[in-house]
Amino acid sequence: MWNLGYRKQYHVPLFHSSPLVCLRQIKAVHGIWIHPCISGILNQFLTVIQHAGHIMGLFDFLGFNKLPAGIINSSLLITDAATLARAGKFVDALQAKFHNVAIALIDTPAHLPALPHLVLPEDVATATARLQKIQPQRLIVLGVNARYAALAKAADCPRFWINARDSDAAEAGCQIITASYGGLNTANAQVTGDPLAELESLPQITVDTELCQRFKEQHESGRWLGYFAATGENEEDIAYALFSRAIRHKMGLMLLAPRDPARCEPVYRESIKYRLQTIRHQRLSTSFVPIKTRVYYVEQTQPLAAFYACVDFVVAGATLHADAKNPPDILTPILHGKPVLVGAAHRKVPLLAAAVDAGVVLAGMDSEQIFAHIKALLDDPDYGANVASRARDWLNMQPGALGRVLALIK
């Protein structure tokens, strides 16, 4: 006889073809032996179902589509795995408010969430049918693109779209649509800031104009200043490689500041191989940095932030290589009004992830993309000013965003 006990041991994806084809796939993929008589009966039964025009999947018939405990009548959060990975505080706050949060993911996560969860079928129509079975008390869409507007629209409950990315989110019929800042083309959205940025206040900054005077000759000669700030392990070689390409395009000066003072001396000794004229900050003996200088090396933590005011753009350290141990800082250079470039490392840091998601920092997945951003900034200073202005506007919206968004979700 056919032992149905195997169903708890196999994860079988939802089928999108006919039940007959799916039955054959189950037997082929999992090597399950089904008695010919039982197989024939199932084939005939499923054929009758199809011919009768009933919408019934094979897995529903076998009980594979049973919803996980805690999903039905939940406060359902629909999002993707990458967004969920940085939404811990937001999800915790939702759970504290409603006590019945469940997660519906549109893709498969590397780590399963602790709350009740399921992965929605890729096909929106099939996902909609699944949503109707869940019958959520409220539906919260977090991020994702407007392809899922039809899915949200089909829900018969209060709906909220948080961090909408485009105006098509308005088609979901949500009671509330929020945007992380006002620069996005999102119709009928309340600008609340990003609740995932985890920012409650902005620090005060001071500008040391006297410090920046030492670069007077560079500014008067029309040379650019690029700052690789608070670099971490294995990032300085990347910085030198990017700078070498940039000065072949247009002559400029690199400021380089390793974040850990203990690394400064060995990094400096290693940098000698590049044969670039270098001035060390603590050993500068003149009023101005000589025009022939190629690298200004900052070996002290105290003036690291002060130099943000002096440069044309900032490449944020700890974003260029995964080995960097220090947290990346994009907040300080944005507050100083500088365009910020970031690499692919440590993007799970909440503020950095939110900035990349909003497109207010120039993000590159590799050195080629980062250099393309540098080149664009060198070719068009107005472009850099626009990037910096949008980033500052966005940053001003972020403090307290979590509380504002939670107050809107009823």
Protein backbone atom coordinates (compact mmCIF):
# COMPACT_ATOMS: atom_id res chain seq x y z
CA MET A 1 0.00 0.00 0.00
CA TRP A 2 0.98 3.59 -0.40
CA ASN A 3 2.43 5.04 2.81
CA LEU A 4 1.32 8.66 3.15
CA GLY A 5 3.71 9.21 6.04
CA TYR A 6 6.41 10.47 3.67
CA ARG A 7 4.71 13.82 3.25
CA LYS A 8 6.34 15.27 6.39
CA GLN A 9 9.79 14.30 5.20
CA TYR A 10 9.84 16.06 1.82
CA HIS A 11 9.49 19.69 0.85
CA VAL A 12 7.54 19.63 -2.39
CA PRO A 13 7.12 22.99 -4.20
CA LEU A 14 3.73 24.15 -5.35
CA PHE A 15 2.90 22.80 -8.79
CA HIS A 16 2.03 25.10 -11.62
CA SER A 17 1.20 22.44 -14.25
CA SER A 18 -1.53 19.83 -14.40
CA PRO A 19 -2.12 17.51 -11.41
CA LEU A 20 -1.26 14.52 -13.60
CA VAL A 21 2.13 15.97 -14.50
CA CYS A 22 2.77 16.86 -10.88
CA LEU A 23 1.96 13.33 -9.72
CA ARG A 24 4.55 11.97 -12.14
CA GLN A 25 7.07 14.58 -10.87
CA ILE A 26 6.55 13.47 -7.26
CA LYS A 27 7.24 9.86 -8.22
CA ALA A 28 10.28 10.81 -10.32
CA VAL A 29 11.91 13.30 -7.97
CA HIS A 30 11.36 11.54 -4.66
CA GLY A 31 11.46 7.93 -5.86
CA ILE A 32 8.12 7.17 -4.22
CA TRP A 33 6.57 3.89 -5.26
CA ILE A 34 2.83 4.16 -5.74
CA HIS A 35 0.85 0.99 -6.29
CA PRO A 36 -0.37 0.89 -9.92
CA CYS A 37 -3.98 0.53 -8.78
CA ILE A 38 -3.74 3.55 -6.50
CA SER A 39 -1.93 5.50 -9.21
CA GLY A 40 -4.63 4.67 -11.72
CA ILE A 41 -7.40 5.68 -9.34
CA LEU A 42 -5.65 8.99 -8.59
CA ASN A 43 -5.13 9.67 -12.28
CA GLN A 44 -8.78 9.07 -13.05
CA PHE A 45 -9.93 11.09 -10.03
CA LEU A 46 -7.73 14.06 -10.88
CA THR A 47 -8.79 13.96 -14.50
CA VAL A 48 -12.43 14.17 -13.39
CA ILE A 49 -11.56 17.16 -11.18
CA GLN A 50 -9.88 18.94 -14.07
CA HIS A 51 -12.69 18.25 -16.49
CA ALA A 52 -15.21 19.50 -13.94
CA GLY A 53 -13.40 22.85 -13.93
CA HIS A 54 -12.72 22.89 -10.17
CA ILE A 55 -9.64 24.80 -8.97
CA MET A 56 -8.06 22.21 -6.78
CA GLY A 57 -4.34 21.44 -6.60
CA LEU A 58 -2.93 18.02 -6.05
CA PHE A 59 -1.23 19.21 -2.89
CA ASP A 60 -4.51 20.50 -1.50
CA PHE A 61 -5.97 17.06 -2.15
CA LEU A 62 -3.07 15.35 -0.38
CA GLY A 63 -2.93 17.89 2.45
CA PHE A 64 0.49 19.35 1.55
CA ASN A 65 -0.85 22.90 1.45
CA LYS A 66 -1.83 23.02 5.09
CA LEU A 67 -0.91 26.46 6.42
CA PRO A 68 1.66 26.69 9.23
CA ALA A 69 0.37 27.29 12.74
CA GLY A 70 -0.06 30.96 13.59
CA ILE A 71 -0.54 32.12 10.00
CA ILE A 72 -4.34 32.23 9.78
CA ASN A 73 -5.92 35.52 10.95
CA SER A 74 -2.47 36.97 11.66
CA SER A 75 -1.08 40.45 11.16
CA LEU A 76 0.70 39.40 7.97
CA LEU A 77 3.94 41.07 6.89
CA ILE A 78 4.82 40.57 3.21
CA THR A 79 8.44 41.28 2.33
CA ASP A 80 11.58 39.77 0.78
CA ALA A 81 14.37 37.94 2.56
CA ALA A 82 16.94 40.75 2.24
CA THR A 83 14.57 43.34 3.71
CA LEU A 84 13.50 41.00 6.50
CA ALA A 85 17.16 40.47 7.45
CA ARG A 86 17.47 44.15 8.43
CA ALA A 87 13.95 44.61 9.82
CA GLY A 88 14.46 43.02 13.24
CA LYS A 89 13.47 46.03 15.34
CA PHE A 90 10.52 46.82 13.11
CA VAL A 91 9.19 43.26 13.30
CA ASP A 92 9.71 43.17 17.08
CA ALA A 93 7.79 46.43 17.42
CA LEU A 94 4.93 45.07 15.30
CA GLN A 95 4.81 41.92 17.41
CA ALA A 96 4.77 43.96 20.62
CA LYS A 97 1.85 45.99 19.28
CA PHE A 98 -0.32 43.26 17.71
CA HIS A 99 0.96 39.99 19.31
CA ASN A 100 0.10 37.92 16.20
CA VAL A 101 2.62 38.83 13.50
CA ALA A 102 3.40 36.29 10.78
CA ILE A 103 5.78 36.58 7.83
CA ALA A 104 4.99 35.92 4.15
CA LEU A 105 8.18 35.99 2.09
CA ILE A 106 8.30 36.45 -1.66
CA ASP A 107 11.61 34.57 -1.86
CA THR A 108 13.44 31.92 0.13
CA PRO A 109 15.54 33.21 3.07
CA ALA A 110 18.93 31.87 4.12
CA HIS A 111 17.65 31.69 7.71
CA LEU A 112 14.03 31.04 8.60
CA PRO A 113 12.37 33.65 10.84
CA ALA A 114 11.32 32.69 14.36
CA LEU A 115 7.78 33.95 13.86
CA PRO A 116 5.18 31.90 11.93
CA HIS A 117 6.08 32.14 8.26
CA LEU A 118 5.66 30.80 4.78
CA VAL A 119 7.14 31.43 1.33
CA LEU A 120 4.56 32.65 -1.15
CA PRO A 121 4.40 31.07 -4.61
CA GLU A 122 6.16 33.12 -7.28
CA ASP A 123 3.02 33.23 -9.40
CA VAL A 124 0.96 36.18 -8.12
CA ALA A 125 -2.38 34.51 -8.88
CA THR A 126 -1.39 31.42 -6.89
CA ALA A 127 -0.03 33.61 -4.09
CA THR A 128 -3.34 35.48 -4.02
CA ALA A 129 -5.23 32.22 -3.55
CA ARG A 130 -2.93 31.38 -0.65
CA LEU A 131 -3.48 34.83 0.87
CA GLN A 132 -7.24 34.36 0.76
CA LYS A 133 -6.84 31.18 2.81
CA ILE A 134 -4.77 33.05 5.40
CA GLN A 135 -7.49 35.70 5.92
CA PRO A 136 -5.14 38.13 7.70
CA GLN A 137 -6.45 40.68 10.19
CA ARG A 138 -4.22 43.27 8.58
CA LEU A 139 -1.71 43.19 5.75
CA ILE A 140 1.60 45.05 5.93
CA VAL A 141 3.68 45.20 2.76
CA LEU A 142 7.29 46.18 3.48
CA GLY A 143 9.33 47.43 0.54
CA VAL A 144 9.08 45.08 -2.50
CA ASN A 145 8.11 46.34 -5.92
CA ALA A 146 4.67 47.18 -7.22
CA ARG A 147 4.35 43.78 -8.91
CA TYR A 148 2.72 42.72 -5.66
CA ALA A 149 0.11 45.49 -5.70
CA ALA A 150 -2.45 43.07 -7.15
CA LEU A 151 -1.72 40.64 -4.33
CA ALA A 152 -2.30 43.30 -1.67
CA LYS A 153 -5.42 44.56 -3.44
CA ALA A 154 -7.02 41.11 -3.21
CA ALA A 155 -6.82 41.08 0.59
CA ASP A 156 -10.08 41.81 2.41
CA CYS A 157 -8.55 43.55 5.42
CA PRO A 158 -6.81 46.83 6.32
CA ARG A 159 -3.66 47.17 4.19
CA PHE A 160 -0.51 49.21 4.76
CA TRP A 161 2.40 49.64 2.33
CA ILE A 162 5.60 50.70 4.11
CA ASN A 163 8.65 52.05 2.24
CA ALA A 164 6.86 52.19 -1.11
CA ARG A 165 9.30 52.33 -4.00
CA ASP A 166 7.13 53.63 -6.83
CA SER A 167 3.76 55.18 -7.52
CA ASP A 168 2.20 51.89 -8.62
CA ALA A 169 1.92 50.94 -4.95
CA ALA A 170 -1.15 53.19 -4.91
CA GLU A 171 -2.97 50.52 -6.94
CA ALA A 172 -3.01 48.21 -3.90
CA GLY A 173 -5.84 50.13 -2.25
CA CYS A 174 -3.92 50.55 0.99
CA GLN A 175 -5.17 52.72 3.82
CA ILE A 176 -1.64 54.02 4.36
CA ILE A 177 1.34 54.25 1.99
CA THR A 178 4.63 55.51 3.41
CA ALA A 179 7.85 56.61 1.73
CA SER A 180 11.29 56.93 3.27
CA TYR A 181 11.65 60.51 1.98
CA GLY A 182 10.03 62.98 -0.41
CA GLY A 183 12.41 62.54 -3.33
CA LEU A 184 10.77 59.34 -4.59
CA ASN A 185 7.97 59.38 -7.16
CA THR A 186 5.38 57.79 -4.91
CA ALA A 187 1.81 59.02 -5.28
CA ASN A 188 -0.44 59.52 -2.24
CA ALA A 189 2.32 58.56 0.18
CA GLN A 190 3.05 59.94 3.61
CA VAL A 191 6.73 60.79 3.99
CA THR A 192 7.71 59.18 7.28
CA GLY A 193 11.32 58.14 6.90
CA ASP A 194 12.49 54.54 6.83
CA PRO A 195 11.55 52.59 9.99
CA LEU A 196 14.40 50.17 9.26
CA ALA A 197 17.09 52.87 9.44
CA GLU A 198 17.08 52.65 13.26
CA LEU A 199 17.95 56.31 13.70
CA GLU A 200 16.51 58.29 16.61
CA SER A 201 18.54 61.52 16.44
CA LEU A 202 21.25 63.32 14.49
CA PRO A 203 24.53 64.36 16.11
CA GLN A 204 25.80 67.91 16.06
CA ILE A 205 28.75 68.53 13.76
CA THR A 206 31.37 71.27 13.75
CA VAL A 207 33.38 72.47 10.77
CA ASP A 208 37.05 73.35 11.24
CA THR A 209 37.58 75.81 8.40
CA GLU A 210 41.15 76.47 9.47
CA LEU A 211 42.02 72.81 9.04
CA CYS A 212 40.80 72.86 5.45
CA GLN A 213 43.02 75.83 4.63
CA ARG A 214 45.99 73.50 4.33
CA PHE A 215 44.56 72.28 1.01
CA LYS A 216 44.46 75.82 -0.40
CA GLU A 217 46.89 75.10 -3.22
CA GLN A 218 44.94 72.03 -4.37
CA HIS A 219 41.67 73.96 -4.46
CA GLU A 220 43.18 76.90 -6.31
CA SER A 221 44.68 74.54 -8.91
CA GLY A 222 41.30 72.94 -9.57
CA ARG A 223 42.34 69.57 -8.21
CA TRP A 224 39.84 67.30 -6.55
CA LEU A 225 40.09 65.81 -3.07
CA GLY A 226 38.74 62.34 -2.44
CA TYR A 227 38.56 60.93 1.07
CA PHE A 228 38.84 57.20 1.81
CA ALA A 229 37.74 57.54 5.40
CA ALA A 230 37.91 55.06 8.29
CA THR A 231 39.22 52.21 6.18
CA GLY A 232 39.51 48.72 7.64
CA GLU A 233 41.42 45.54 7.02
CA ASN A 234 42.32 44.85 3.36
CA GLU A 235 40.72 48.07 2.12
CA GLU A 236 43.74 50.32 1.56
CA ASP A 237 44.95 48.41 -1.50
CA ILE A 238 41.51 48.90 -3.04
CA ALA A 239 41.71 52.61 -2.20
CA TYR A 240 45.10 52.99 -3.86
CA ALA A 241 43.95 51.12 -6.95
CA LEU A 242 40.88 53.35 -7.32
CA PHE A 243 42.92 56.50 -6.74
CA SER A 244 45.54 55.47 -9.30
CA ARG A 245 42.83 55.10 -11.94
CA ALA A 246 41.18 58.36 -10.94
CA ILE A 247 44.32 60.52 -11.22
CA ARG A 248 44.91 59.17 -14.72
CA HIS A 249 41.50 60.62 -15.55
CA LYS A 250 41.99 63.91 -13.69
CA MET A 251 44.70 64.93 -11.24
CA GLY A 252 43.69 65.11 -7.60
CA LEU A 253 44.64 64.27 -4.02
CA MET A 254 43.63 61.29 -1.90
CA LEU A 255 43.08 61.58 1.82
CA LEU A 256 43.46 58.19 3.47
CA ALA A 257 42.55 57.50 7.10
CA PRO A 258 42.67 53.96 8.53
CA ARG A 259 40.11 53.65 11.33
CA ASP A 260 42.26 51.69 13.79
CA PRO A 261 45.30 53.70 14.94
CA ALA A 262 47.19 50.44 15.53
CA ARG A 263 47.03 49.74 11.78
CA CYS A 264 48.27 53.16 10.66
CA GLU A 265 52.01 52.50 10.76
CA PRO A 266 51.96 49.08 9.03
CA VAL A 267 49.54 50.38 6.40
CA TYR A 268 51.83 53.34 5.75
CA ARG A 269 54.90 51.11 5.39
CA GLU A 270 53.00 48.92 2.95
CA SER A 271 51.87 51.94 0.93
CA ILE A 272 55.46 52.95 0.13
CA LYS A 273 55.37 50.43 -2.73
CA TYR A 274 52.99 52.72 -4.64
CA ARG A 275 55.66 55.45 -4.88
CA LEU A 276 53.14 58.26 -4.49
CA GLN A 277 54.26 61.49 -2.83
CA THR A 278 52.73 61.27 0.65
CA ILE A 279 52.33 63.78 3.48
CA ARG A 280 51.57 62.42 6.94
CA HIS A 281 49.12 64.56 8.88
CA GLN A 282 51.03 64.56 12.15
CA ARG A 283 54.31 65.42 10.43
CA LEU A 284 53.15 68.28 8.19
CA SER A 285 55.73 71.03 8.71
CA THR A 286 54.33 73.73 6.40
CA SER A 287 51.12 75.77 6.38
CA PHE A 288 49.85 74.20 3.16
CA VAL A 289 50.03 70.77 1.63
CA PRO A 290 52.47 71.03 -1.32
CA ILE A 291 50.86 70.85 -4.75
CA LYS A 292 52.98 67.83 -5.72
CA THR A 293 51.43 65.77 -2.89
CA ARG A 294 49.36 62.81 -4.04
CA VAL A 295 48.33 61.23 -0.70
CA TYR A 296 47.49 62.94 2.58
CA TYR A 297 47.75 60.27 5.26
CA VAL A 298 45.71 60.73 8.45
CA GLU A 299 47.09 58.66 11.35
CA GLN A 300 45.03 60.04 14.20
CA THR A 301 41.42 59.33 15.09
CA GLN A 302 40.63 62.81 16.42
CA PRO A 303 40.81 64.75 13.10
CA LEU A 304 39.33 61.95 10.99
CA ALA A 305 35.80 63.43 10.96
CA ALA A 306 37.08 67.01 10.66
CA PHE A 307 38.47 66.35 7.20
CA TYR A 308 35.03 65.55 5.78
CA ALA A 309 34.46 69.28 5.36
CA CYS A 310 37.56 69.64 3.19
CA VAL A 311 36.93 67.13 0.41
CA ASP A 312 34.81 66.73 -2.72
CA PHE A 313 33.57 63.20 -2.03
CA VAL A 314 33.90 60.42 0.54
CA VAL A 315 34.38 56.70 0.02
CA ALA A 316 33.11 55.14 3.24
CA GLY A 317 35.54 52.73 4.87
CA ALA A 318 34.35 49.29 5.99
CA THR A 319 32.24 49.05 2.81
CA LEU A 320 35.08 48.07 0.47
CA HIS A 321 36.03 44.72 1.99
CA ALA A 322 34.24 42.21 4.21
CA ASP A 323 37.36 41.82 6.39
CA ALA A 324 36.98 45.35 7.77
CA LYS A 325 36.08 45.12 11.45
CA ASN A 326 34.94 48.69 12.11
CA PRO A 327 31.34 49.76 11.41
CA PRO A 328 30.89 51.97 8.33
CA ASP A 329 30.01 55.62 8.91
CA ILE A 330 27.91 57.32 6.24
CA LEU A 331 26.06 59.60 8.67
CA THR A 332 28.93 62.02 9.36
CA PRO A 333 29.96 62.71 5.75
CA ILE A 334 26.31 63.16 4.72
CA LEU A 335 25.88 65.70 7.53
CA HIS A 336 28.93 67.52 6.15
CA GLY A 337 27.17 67.75 2.79
CA LYS A 338 29.40 65.39 0.83
CA PRO A 339 28.42 62.75 -1.72
CA VAL A 340 29.14 59.31 -0.27
CA LEU A 341 30.27 56.23 -2.17
CA VAL A 342 29.96 52.73 -0.71
CA GLY A 343 31.10 49.27 -1.70
CA ALA A 344 29.33 45.96 -1.22
CA ALA A 345 30.55 45.08 2.29
CA HIS A 346 28.56 45.33 5.53
CA ARG A 347 25.36 46.51 3.87
CA LYS A 348 23.27 44.94 6.62
CA VAL A 349 24.15 47.89 8.87
CA PRO A 350 20.67 49.47 9.21
CA LEU A 351 21.42 53.06 8.20
CA LEU A 352 23.69 52.00 5.34
CA ALA A 353 21.15 49.47 4.06
CA ALA A 354 18.39 52.08 4.22
CA ALA A 355 20.52 54.62 2.33
CA VAL A 356 21.37 52.11 -0.39
CA ASP A 357 17.71 51.13 -0.67
CA ALA A 358 16.71 54.80 -1.03
CA GLY A 359 19.46 55.43 -3.59
CA VAL A 360 20.95 58.39 -1.72
CA VAL A 361 24.50 56.99 -1.65
CA LEU A 362 26.47 55.95 -4.72
CA ALA A 363 26.68 52.19 -4.32
CA GLY A 364 29.00 49.90 -6.25
CA MET A 365 29.18 46.13 -6.08
CA ASP A 366 32.82 46.08 -7.22
CA SER A 367 35.74 48.40 -8.01
CA GLU A 368 34.55 48.98 -11.58
CA GLN A 369 31.23 50.34 -10.41
CA ILE A 370 32.82 52.45 -7.69
CA PHE A 371 35.29 53.94 -10.17
CA ALA A 372 32.43 54.75 -12.52
CA HIS A 373 30.83 56.74 -9.69
CA ILE A 374 34.12 58.54 -8.97
CA LYS A 375 34.53 59.42 -12.63
CA ALA A 376 30.99 60.81 -12.79
CA LEU A 377 31.70 63.01 -9.76
CA LEU A 378 34.96 64.29 -11.27
CA ASP A 379 33.32 65.10 -14.58
CA ASP A 380 30.33 66.93 -13.10
CA PRO A 381 30.68 68.67 -9.71
CA ASP A 382 27.02 69.73 -9.88
CA TYR A 383 26.06 66.07 -9.96
CA GLY A 384 27.96 65.51 -6.72
CA ALA A 385 26.27 68.49 -5.11
CA ASN A 386 22.87 67.08 -6.09
CA VAL A 387 23.71 63.66 -4.66
CA ALA A 388 24.85 65.25 -1.40
CA SER A 389 21.72 67.42 -1.17
CA ARG A 390 19.35 64.49 -1.69
CA ALA A 391 21.23 62.46 0.91
CA ARG A 392 20.99 65.25 3.48
CA ASP A 393 17.25 65.69 2.81
CA TRP A 394 16.76 61.95 3.24
CA LEU A 395 18.83 61.82 6.42
CA ASN A 396 16.82 64.64 7.99
CA MET A 397 13.68 62.50 7.60
CA GLN A 398 15.02 59.42 9.37
CA PRO A 399 15.11 60.21 13.12
CA GLY A 400 12.03 58.76 14.81
CA ALA A 401 10.75 57.05 11.65
CA LEU A 402 10.01 53.78 13.44
CA GLY A 403 7.63 55.43 15.88
CA ARG A 404 5.90 57.44 13.16
CA VAL A 405 5.25 54.38 11.03
CA LEU A 406 4.04 52.23 13.90
CA ALA A 407 1.52 54.93 14.85
CA LEU A 408 0.00 54.72 11.34
CA ILE A 409 -0.49 50.95 11.35
CA LYS A 410 -3.79 50.19 13.07
